[in-house]
Amino acid sequence: MVRSAIESIAYHGGSTLTAQAVDLSVDDLLRGRRSDAIQVVVLMNDGMSQDAWDRVLAASQRLAATKAERFGVALGKEVSWH
């Protein structure tokens, strides 16, 4: 069920702004945080961010500080593992 939902996601063009996506998720986590809820972030990405590496690193450190559970999902036929 999850796999079929992921496979049905359509790509409409554009950029991979990883740092911006992570920052947005952190902002959402902090804004709506409930003490009794498990916080989870799933990042689906092709591994080819157009953000500078230092921005991606800073955003990921900010996310780690939230103590949310974090999962990464590599997508696409040409996923970059670097």
Protein backbone atom coordinates (compact mmCIF):
# COMPACT_ATOMS: atom_id res chain seq x y z
CA MET A 1 0.00 0.00 0.00
CA VAL A 2 2.72 2.50 0.92
CA ARG A 3 4.87 1.42 -2.01
CA SER A 4 2.03 1.82 -4.51
CA ALA A 5 1.26 5.27 -3.08
CA ILE A 6 4.90 6.30 -3.47
CA GLU A 7 5.08 4.88 -7.00
CA SER A 8 1.99 6.87 -7.98
CA ILE A 9 3.59 10.21 -7.05
CA ALA A 10 3.95 12.24 -10.24
CA TYR A 11 7.00 14.38 -10.94
CA HIS A 12 6.01 17.76 -12.33
CA GLY A 13 9.47 19.19 -12.90
CA GLY A 14 11.37 21.70 -10.84
CA SER A 15 14.27 21.57 -8.44
CA THR A 16 15.29 19.43 -5.50
CA LEU A 17 15.53 21.89 -2.63
CA THR A 18 16.43 19.54 0.19
CA ALA A 19 17.39 22.15 2.79
CA GLN A 20 14.19 24.09 2.15
CA ALA A 21 12.11 20.92 2.55
CA VAL A 22 13.87 19.95 5.79
CA ASP A 23 13.53 23.48 7.19
CA LEU A 24 9.81 23.43 6.36
CA SER A 25 9.37 20.11 8.15
CA VAL A 26 11.20 21.42 11.23
CA ASP A 27 9.02 24.53 11.30
CA ASP A 28 5.89 22.36 11.08
CA LEU A 29 7.16 20.05 13.83
CA LEU A 30 7.88 22.90 16.20
CA ARG A 31 4.64 24.75 15.48
CA GLY A 32 2.30 21.83 16.09
CA ARG A 33 4.25 19.71 18.56
CA ARG A 34 2.24 17.75 21.10
CA SER A 35 4.08 16.24 24.03
CA ASP A 36 2.22 12.92 23.68
CA ALA A 37 2.76 12.49 19.92
CA ILE A 38 5.59 10.72 18.13
CA GLN A 39 7.19 13.09 15.64
CA VAL A 40 8.17 11.51 12.30
CA VAL A 41 9.74 13.01 9.17
CA VAL A 42 10.01 11.06 5.92
CA LEU A 43 12.22 12.71 3.29
CA MET A 44 11.71 11.42 -0.25
CA ASN A 45 14.50 12.64 -2.48
CA ASP A 46 16.48 11.83 -5.62
CA GLY A 47 19.71 12.78 -3.85
CA MET A 48 20.44 15.65 -6.22
CA SER A 49 19.78 18.74 -4.12
CA GLN A 50 20.31 22.14 -5.70
CA ASP A 51 20.93 23.60 -2.23
CA ALA A 52 24.51 24.21 -1.14
CA TRP A 53 25.81 21.34 1.01
CA ASP A 54 26.33 23.59 4.05
CA ARG A 55 22.62 24.55 3.93
CA VAL A 56 21.57 20.90 3.73
CA LEU A 57 23.86 20.05 6.64
CA ALA A 58 22.57 22.95 8.78
CA ALA A 59 18.95 21.98 8.07
CA SER A 60 19.63 18.33 8.92
CA GLN A 61 21.28 19.32 12.20
CA ARG A 62 18.27 21.47 13.03
CA LEU A 63 16.01 18.50 12.28
CA ALA A 64 18.14 16.17 14.44
CA ALA A 65 17.75 18.61 17.35
CA THR A 66 13.95 18.06 17.28
CA LYS A 67 14.50 14.38 18.23
CA ALA A 68 11.91 13.39 15.60
CA GLU A 69 12.18 9.94 14.02
CA ARG A 70 13.77 10.45 10.59
CA PHE A 71 13.56 8.27 7.49
CA GLY A 72 14.98 8.84 4.03
CA VAL A 73 13.56 7.31 0.85
CA ALA A 74 15.63 7.37 -2.34
CA LEU A 75 13.46 7.83 -5.43
CA GLY A 76 14.00 7.53 -9.16
CA LYS A 77 15.95 5.51 -11.66
CA GLU A 78 18.96 7.81 -11.45
CA VAL A 79 19.29 8.26 -7.69
CA SER A 80 22.54 9.92 -6.68
CA TRP A 81 24.10 8.27 -3.62
CA HIS A 82 26.73 11.00 -3.23
